[in-house]
Amino acid sequence: MSNVTVNRAADNIRLLSAAMVEKAKSGHPGGAMGGADFINILYSEYLN
């Protein structure tokens, strides 16, 4: 995958994690937003 695609996918994970916390009206999105790059690469390159 290109670098631009990887960055956009991680940005989408960040946006969705913030939206989920806001909708639940509970929690803090810091962990999910901080780990977005790691999770994106883990699932797109190493896990099937």
Protein backbone atom coordinates (compact mmCIF):
# COMPACT_ATOMS: atom_id res chain seq x y z
CA MET A 1 0.00 0.00 0.00
CA SER A 2 1.11 3.51 -0.64
CA ASN A 3 1.96 5.86 2.20
CA VAL A 4 -0.99 8.13 1.38
CA THR A 5 -3.44 5.21 1.58
CA VAL A 6 -2.01 4.06 4.91
CA ASN A 7 -2.25 7.56 6.37
CA ARG A 8 -5.84 8.03 5.18
CA ALA A 9 -6.90 4.69 6.63
CA ALA A 10 -5.32 5.55 9.99
CA ASP A 11 -7.02 8.95 9.93
CA ASN A 12 -10.37 7.22 9.35
CA ILE A 13 -9.73 4.97 12.37
CA ARG A 14 -9.00 8.05 14.47
CA LEU A 15 -12.16 9.78 13.29
CA LEU A 16 -14.35 6.74 13.91
CA SER A 17 -12.90 6.13 17.37
CA ALA A 18 -13.60 9.73 18.38
CA ALA A 19 -17.15 9.47 17.01
CA MET A 20 -17.79 6.24 18.94
CA VAL A 21 -16.67 7.80 22.22
CA GLU A 22 -18.78 10.89 21.56
CA LYS A 23 -21.87 8.80 20.75
CA ALA A 24 -21.42 6.68 23.88
CA LYS A 25 -20.94 9.84 25.97
CA SER A 26 -18.36 7.92 27.95
CA GLY A 27 -14.64 7.22 27.77
CA HIS A 28 -11.60 8.82 26.26
CA PRO A 29 -10.52 8.34 22.62
CA GLY A 30 -6.80 8.81 23.33
CA GLY A 31 -5.83 5.15 23.28
CA ALA A 32 -7.62 4.35 20.05
CA MET A 33 -6.40 7.51 18.37
CA GLY A 34 -2.83 6.89 19.47
CA GLY A 35 -2.83 3.29 18.30
CA ALA A 36 -4.50 3.91 14.95
CA ASP A 37 -1.28 3.59 12.94
CA PHE A 38 -0.27 0.38 14.69
CA ILE A 39 -3.70 -1.21 14.34
CA ASN A 40 -3.96 -0.22 10.69
CA ILE A 41 -0.62 -1.81 9.76
CA LEU A 42 -1.29 -4.86 11.93
CA TYR A 43 -4.61 -5.64 10.27
CA SER A 44 -3.70 -4.64 6.71
CA GLU A 45 -0.31 -6.33 6.45
CA TYR A 46 -0.03 -9.12 9.01
CA LEU A 47 -3.50 -10.47 9.81
CA ASN A 48 -5.85 -12.07 7.33
